[in-house]
Amino acid sequence: MKTKTFAGIPAEYSKLEQSKVVLIPVPYDGTSTWQKGADKGPEAFLHASENMELYDIETDSEVYRQGIHLAEAITENASPETMVDAVHQTTKQYIKKGKFVTLFGGEHSISIGSIRAFNEMFEDLTVLQLDAHADLRQSYEGSKCNHACAVYEASQNTNLIQVGIRSMDTIEKTVMDEDKTYFAHEMAVDDSWMDSAIDQMTDNVFITFDLDALDPSIMPSTGTPEPGGLLWYETLEFLKQVFEEKNVVGFDIVELCPNENNKSPDFLAAKLYYKMLSYKFKNENIADD
């Protein structure tokens, strides 16, 4: 990683000891099956963040002043399994330090490791998955650590809530809890889906946000874009409500597949990350205030 800090924030707000937030880049693209390039997502996201205003109008805050430490990137790629183990161990290490841990991928298989770490560290965990794809295969192409298996383990070991789903294989129906799955075509005509989803969450929530949950009209830069996705303000409305009503313990954002000719999706990813932090910390004082 060429970038030294997230969003070019001053060094005083990026030191590990003083930072409440840790950001772990995971530039991994070992199992994607269509458009390659998610390994370049973290660098594109970080570069875009340097061009972002650090004052958030909606929350009237500058969340970077809580401290955001950019951790060393996880570059393990010998196999999907060794990558997942590296993500698991590193994530758990920072949780144990009392940090609010966030990750930016890379493709969705990285979330197997992050979810595993959070599930070991927080009781009665809900995993909130925003995604176009169910990602519930037990194994795919010979590995249980494939991007198509991203939340299978979570479906067995956590309270999994799936939002925005509009693409899946029939085999995934045998695993899916349809009462906790919010399909995009139903969300489009149901104004109550946000409240319903939140009502099914436990207190502790980990969010895994696959950027292909968003509509390709605003997020074309993903490996497998699907029509009919979420738009910007409805996404923020939902996330804001989750952060207000639940204890979000961490999150990851995955599947940015940057396009050299269109930088706006990179900037959207940076803005989304910063918005989520702004919602998390909007009521917390700055240490030096």
Protein backbone atom coordinates (compact mmCIF):
# COMPACT_ATOMS: atom_id res chain seq x y z
CA MET A 1 0.00 0.00 0.00
CA LYS A 2 1.41 3.36 -1.05
CA THR A 3 -1.02 5.31 1.11
CA LYS A 4 0.15 6.14 4.64
CA THR A 5 -3.13 7.30 6.20
CA PHE A 6 -6.83 7.06 5.41
CA ALA A 7 -8.12 10.22 3.67
CA GLY A 8 -4.77 11.92 4.17
CA ILE A 9 -5.63 12.69 7.78
CA PRO A 10 -2.87 14.22 9.94
CA ALA A 11 -0.47 11.71 11.48
CA GLU A 12 -1.63 12.65 14.98
CA TYR A 13 -5.03 11.10 14.18
CA SER A 14 -3.62 7.93 12.64
CA LYS A 15 -1.39 6.51 15.36
CA LEU A 16 -2.59 3.14 16.64
CA GLU A 17 -2.42 4.01 20.33
CA GLN A 18 -4.64 7.09 20.01
CA SER A 19 -7.03 5.75 17.36
CA LYS A 20 -10.45 4.32 18.17
CA VAL A 21 -10.75 2.88 14.65
CA VAL A 22 -8.52 0.44 12.80
CA LEU A 23 -8.82 0.01 9.04
CA ILE A 24 -7.34 -3.20 7.62
CA PRO A 25 -6.92 -3.37 3.82
CA VAL A 26 -7.13 -6.85 2.30
CA PRO A 27 -6.15 -6.66 -1.39
CA TYR A 28 -7.19 -10.22 -2.27
CA ASP A 29 -8.83 -11.52 -5.44
CA GLY A 30 -8.05 -15.21 -5.47
CA THR A 31 -11.50 -16.76 -6.03
CA SER A 32 -13.56 -14.30 -8.09
CA THR A 33 -15.17 -15.88 -11.11
CA TRP A 34 -15.95 -13.08 -13.54
CA GLN A 35 -14.32 -9.64 -13.60
CA LYS A 36 -10.95 -9.63 -11.84
CA GLY A 37 -9.54 -6.60 -10.05
CA ALA A 38 -10.92 -6.57 -6.50
CA ASP A 39 -7.34 -6.84 -5.24
CA LYS A 40 -6.90 -3.28 -6.52
CA GLY A 41 -9.96 -2.11 -4.58
CA PRO A 42 -8.26 -1.05 -1.33
CA GLU A 43 -5.71 1.15 -3.08
CA ALA A 44 -8.39 2.80 -5.25
CA PHE A 45 -10.57 3.33 -2.16
CA LEU A 46 -7.71 4.89 -0.20
CA HIS A 47 -6.69 7.11 -3.10
CA ALA A 48 -10.28 8.35 -3.52
CA SER A 49 -10.52 9.04 0.22
CA GLU A 50 -7.72 11.58 -0.06
CA ASN A 51 -10.05 13.78 -2.14
CA MET A 52 -12.96 13.65 0.33
CA GLU A 53 -14.10 16.46 2.63
CA LEU A 54 -13.64 15.38 6.25
CA TYR A 55 -16.61 17.29 7.67
CA ASP A 56 -19.85 15.28 7.52
CA ILE A 57 -22.81 17.62 7.08
CA GLU A 58 -25.51 15.19 8.19
CA THR A 59 -23.94 14.32 11.55
CA ASP A 60 -22.19 17.69 12.01
CA SER A 61 -18.99 15.84 12.85
CA GLU A 62 -15.40 15.16 11.82
CA VAL A 63 -15.13 11.51 12.70
CA TYR A 64 -11.47 11.25 11.68
CA ARG A 65 -10.65 13.09 14.92
CA GLN A 66 -11.64 9.91 16.79
CA GLY A 67 -8.50 8.45 15.21
CA ILE A 68 -8.37 6.09 12.23
CA HIS A 69 -5.30 3.87 12.09
CA LEU A 70 -4.47 2.40 8.69
CA ALA A 71 -3.09 -1.05 9.48
CA GLU A 72 -0.63 -2.92 7.35
CA ALA A 73 -2.40 -4.63 4.47
CA ILE A 74 -3.01 -8.37 4.71
CA THR A 75 -1.32 -9.73 1.58
CA GLU A 76 -1.42 -13.47 2.32
CA ASN A 77 -2.56 -15.16 -0.90
CA ALA A 78 -0.98 -18.62 -0.93
CA SER A 79 -4.49 -20.10 -0.78
CA PRO A 80 -8.01 -18.98 0.11
CA GLU A 81 -7.70 -20.85 3.40
CA THR A 82 -4.44 -19.17 4.46
CA MET A 83 -5.87 -15.75 3.52
CA VAL A 84 -8.99 -16.36 5.64
CA ASP A 85 -6.83 -17.47 8.56
CA ALA A 86 -4.66 -14.35 8.28
CA VAL A 87 -7.74 -12.10 8.26
CA HIS A 88 -9.20 -13.99 11.22
CA GLN A 89 -6.07 -13.70 13.33
CA THR A 90 -5.30 -10.08 12.48
CA THR A 91 -8.87 -8.92 13.03
CA LYS A 92 -9.04 -10.68 16.38
CA GLN A 93 -5.73 -9.14 17.44
CA TYR A 94 -7.06 -5.61 16.91
CA ILE A 95 -10.42 -6.35 18.57
CA LYS A 96 -8.48 -7.49 21.63
CA LYS A 97 -6.75 -4.10 21.68
CA GLY A 98 -10.18 -2.50 22.15
CA LYS A 99 -10.36 -1.01 18.67
CA PHE A 100 -13.38 -0.58 16.42
CA VAL A 101 -12.15 -2.81 13.61
CA THR A 102 -13.06 -2.27 9.97
CA LEU A 103 -11.79 -3.97 6.83
CA PHE A 104 -11.78 -3.11 3.15
CA GLY A 105 -11.40 -5.85 0.54
CA GLY A 106 -10.73 -7.48 -1.77
CA GLU A 107 -13.39 -9.93 -2.69
CA HIS A 108 -16.05 -11.25 -0.35
CA SER A 109 -14.16 -14.34 0.79
CA ILE A 110 -12.20 -12.10 3.17
CA SER A 111 -15.37 -11.80 5.25
CA ILE A 112 -15.20 -15.44 6.29
CA GLY A 113 -12.18 -14.50 8.39
CA SER A 114 -13.54 -11.22 9.71
CA ILE A 115 -16.90 -12.71 10.70
CA ARG A 116 -15.16 -15.63 12.41
CA ALA A 117 -13.13 -13.21 14.53
CA PHE A 118 -16.08 -11.04 15.54
CA ASN A 119 -18.22 -14.08 16.33
CA GLU A 120 -15.52 -15.34 18.71
CA MET A 121 -15.24 -11.96 20.44
CA PHE A 122 -18.88 -10.83 20.75
CA GLU A 123 -21.79 -12.74 22.21
CA ASP A 124 -25.00 -13.45 20.29
CA LEU A 125 -23.74 -11.83 17.09
CA THR A 126 -25.93 -10.75 14.19
CA VAL A 127 -24.25 -10.60 10.81
CA LEU A 128 -25.99 -8.08 8.58
CA GLN A 129 -25.09 -8.83 4.96
CA LEU A 130 -25.90 -6.26 2.27
CA ASP A 131 -25.34 -8.03 -1.02
CA ALA A 132 -26.77 -8.87 -4.42
CA HIS A 133 -25.78 -12.51 -3.97
CA ALA A 134 -26.73 -15.05 -1.33
CA ASP A 135 -23.13 -16.37 -0.96
CA LEU A 136 -24.41 -19.43 0.89
CA ARG A 137 -22.66 -22.28 -0.91
CA GLN A 138 -20.95 -24.65 1.51
CA SER A 139 -18.06 -24.95 -0.93
CA TYR A 140 -17.36 -23.78 -4.47
CA GLU A 141 -14.65 -24.75 -6.94
CA GLY A 142 -13.07 -27.01 -4.34
CA SER A 143 -12.86 -24.53 -1.47
CA LYS A 144 -15.01 -23.54 1.50
CA CYS A 145 -13.24 -20.16 1.43
CA ASN A 146 -14.56 -19.06 -1.96
CA HIS A 147 -16.37 -15.74 -2.41
CA ALA A 148 -19.54 -17.76 -3.17
CA CYS A 149 -19.28 -19.18 0.38
CA ALA A 150 -18.77 -15.83 2.12
CA VAL A 151 -21.60 -16.17 4.65
CA TYR A 152 -22.22 -19.92 4.77
CA GLU A 153 -20.34 -20.21 8.05
CA ALA A 154 -22.23 -17.18 9.39
CA SER A 155 -25.52 -18.86 8.50
CA GLN A 156 -24.56 -21.78 10.73
CA ASN A 157 -22.97 -19.91 13.65
CA THR A 158 -24.57 -16.45 13.85
CA ASN A 159 -27.88 -14.66 13.39
CA LEU A 160 -27.57 -13.89 9.67
CA ILE A 161 -29.77 -11.19 8.12
CA GLN A 162 -29.49 -10.88 4.33
CA VAL A 163 -30.54 -7.66 2.57
CA GLY A 164 -30.72 -6.84 -1.14
CA ILE A 165 -30.46 -10.40 -2.45
CA ARG A 166 -31.35 -10.79 -6.13
CA SER A 167 -29.10 -13.59 -7.41
CA MET A 168 -28.62 -17.13 -6.08
CA ASP A 169 -28.38 -20.79 -6.96
CA THR A 170 -31.18 -23.19 -6.10
CA ILE A 171 -28.88 -25.16 -3.77
CA GLU A 172 -28.64 -22.09 -1.54
CA LYS A 173 -32.36 -22.31 -0.76
CA THR A 174 -31.62 -25.38 1.34
CA VAL A 175 -29.47 -23.23 3.65
CA MET A 176 -31.20 -19.86 3.50
CA ASP A 177 -33.55 -18.64 6.25
CA GLU A 178 -36.09 -16.88 4.05
CA ASP A 179 -37.71 -15.17 7.05
CA LYS A 180 -34.42 -13.32 7.55
CA THR A 181 -33.77 -12.68 3.86
CA TYR A 182 -34.87 -9.46 2.22
CA PHE A 183 -35.05 -9.95 -1.52
CA ALA A 184 -34.57 -6.86 -3.68
CA HIS A 185 -37.79 -7.35 -5.66
CA GLU A 186 -39.79 -7.47 -2.41
CA MET A 187 -37.95 -4.52 -0.85
CA ALA A 188 -38.91 -2.41 -3.87
CA VAL A 189 -42.61 -2.60 -2.92
CA ASP A 190 -42.37 -2.95 0.87
CA ASP A 191 -41.84 0.20 2.95
CA SER A 192 -41.48 -1.83 6.16
CA TRP A 193 -38.42 -3.88 5.26
CA MET A 194 -35.97 -1.72 7.24
CA ASP A 195 -37.89 -1.98 10.51
CA SER A 196 -38.52 -5.68 9.93
CA ALA A 197 -34.83 -6.42 9.37
CA ILE A 198 -33.74 -4.45 12.43
CA ASP A 199 -36.37 -6.14 14.60
CA GLN A 200 -34.73 -9.49 13.80
CA MET A 201 -31.25 -8.37 14.87
CA THR A 202 -29.63 -9.06 18.23
CA ASP A 203 -27.89 -6.21 20.06
CA ASN A 204 -24.39 -6.85 18.66
CA VAL A 205 -24.20 -6.43 14.88
CA PHE A 206 -21.37 -6.92 12.40
CA ILE A 207 -22.02 -5.51 8.93
CA THR A 208 -20.56 -7.05 5.81
CA PHE A 209 -21.25 -4.74 2.89
CA ASP A 210 -20.70 -6.13 -0.60
CA LEU A 211 -20.76 -3.12 -2.90
CA ASP A 212 -22.77 -5.04 -5.49
CA ALA A 213 -25.71 -4.63 -3.11
CA LEU A 214 -25.88 -1.17 -4.68
CA ASP A 215 -27.46 -0.62 -8.07
CA PRO A 216 -25.00 -0.63 -10.99
CA SER A 217 -26.22 2.85 -11.92
CA ILE A 218 -24.26 4.18 -8.92
CA MET A 219 -21.84 1.26 -8.38
CA PRO A 220 -20.81 -0.33 -11.68
CA SER A 221 -17.30 -1.16 -10.42
CA THR A 222 -17.86 -4.62 -8.98
CA GLY A 223 -16.91 -8.07 -10.17
CA THR A 224 -20.51 -9.23 -10.63
CA PRO A 225 -22.92 -6.26 -10.96
CA GLU A 226 -26.62 -7.09 -10.74
CA PRO A 227 -29.51 -4.81 -11.80
CA GLY A 228 -32.12 -3.74 -9.27
CA GLY A 229 -29.96 -2.79 -6.31
CA LEU A 230 -30.06 -0.28 -3.48
CA LEU A 231 -29.62 3.44 -4.09
CA TRP A 232 -27.57 5.89 -2.02
CA TYR A 233 -30.06 7.55 0.30
CA GLU A 234 -32.13 4.46 1.10
CA THR A 235 -28.86 2.70 1.95
CA LEU A 236 -27.82 5.50 4.29
CA GLU A 237 -31.27 5.62 5.88
CA PHE A 238 -31.07 1.93 6.69
CA LEU A 239 -27.48 2.04 7.95
CA LYS A 240 -28.16 5.09 10.11
CA GLN A 241 -31.09 3.30 11.74
CA VAL A 242 -28.99 0.19 12.39
CA PHE A 243 -26.22 2.24 14.01
CA GLU A 244 -28.75 4.14 16.14
CA GLU A 245 -30.67 1.10 17.38
CA LYS A 246 -27.95 -1.55 17.63
CA ASN A 247 -24.36 -1.90 18.84
CA VAL A 248 -22.46 -2.19 15.57
CA VAL A 249 -19.21 -3.85 16.63
CA GLY A 250 -17.39 -3.57 13.30
CA PHE A 251 -17.83 -3.85 9.55
CA ASP A 252 -16.19 -4.73 6.28
CA ILE A 253 -16.72 -3.40 2.76
CA VAL A 254 -15.80 -5.63 -0.17
CA GLU A 255 -15.86 -6.18 -3.92
CA LEU A 256 -14.74 -2.81 -5.28
CA CYS A 257 -13.33 -3.65 -8.70
CA PRO A 258 -11.98 -0.28 -9.85
CA ASN A 259 -12.33 1.02 -13.39
CA GLU A 260 -9.58 3.38 -14.54
CA ASN A 261 -12.08 5.35 -16.63
CA ASN A 262 -14.69 5.89 -13.89
CA LYS A 263 -13.50 7.06 -10.48
CA SER A 264 -16.91 7.86 -8.98
CA PRO A 265 -17.49 4.32 -7.59
CA ASP A 266 -14.12 4.53 -5.79
CA PHE A 267 -15.22 7.81 -4.22
CA LEU A 268 -18.62 6.33 -3.32
CA ALA A 269 -16.85 3.51 -1.45
CA ALA A 270 -14.71 6.02 0.47
CA LYS A 271 -17.75 8.15 1.29
CA LEU A 272 -19.73 5.09 2.40
CA TYR A 273 -16.94 4.01 4.74
CA TYR A 274 -16.68 7.49 6.25
CA LYS A 275 -20.48 7.75 6.59
CA MET A 276 -20.61 4.49 8.50
CA LEU A 277 -17.95 5.72 10.91
CA SER A 278 -19.79 9.03 11.26
CA TYR A 279 -22.96 7.18 12.28
CA LYS A 280 -21.03 5.01 14.74
CA PHE A 281 -19.29 7.84 16.57
CA LYS A 282 -21.63 10.79 16.11
CA ASN A 283 -22.50 10.95 19.83
CA GLU A 284 -18.98 10.38 21.15
CA ASN A 285 -16.72 13.14 22.37
CA ILE A 286 -13.30 13.72 20.89
CA ALA A 287 -10.58 12.83 23.40
CA ASP A 288 -8.84 16.23 23.15
CA ASP A 289 -12.05 18.29 23.37
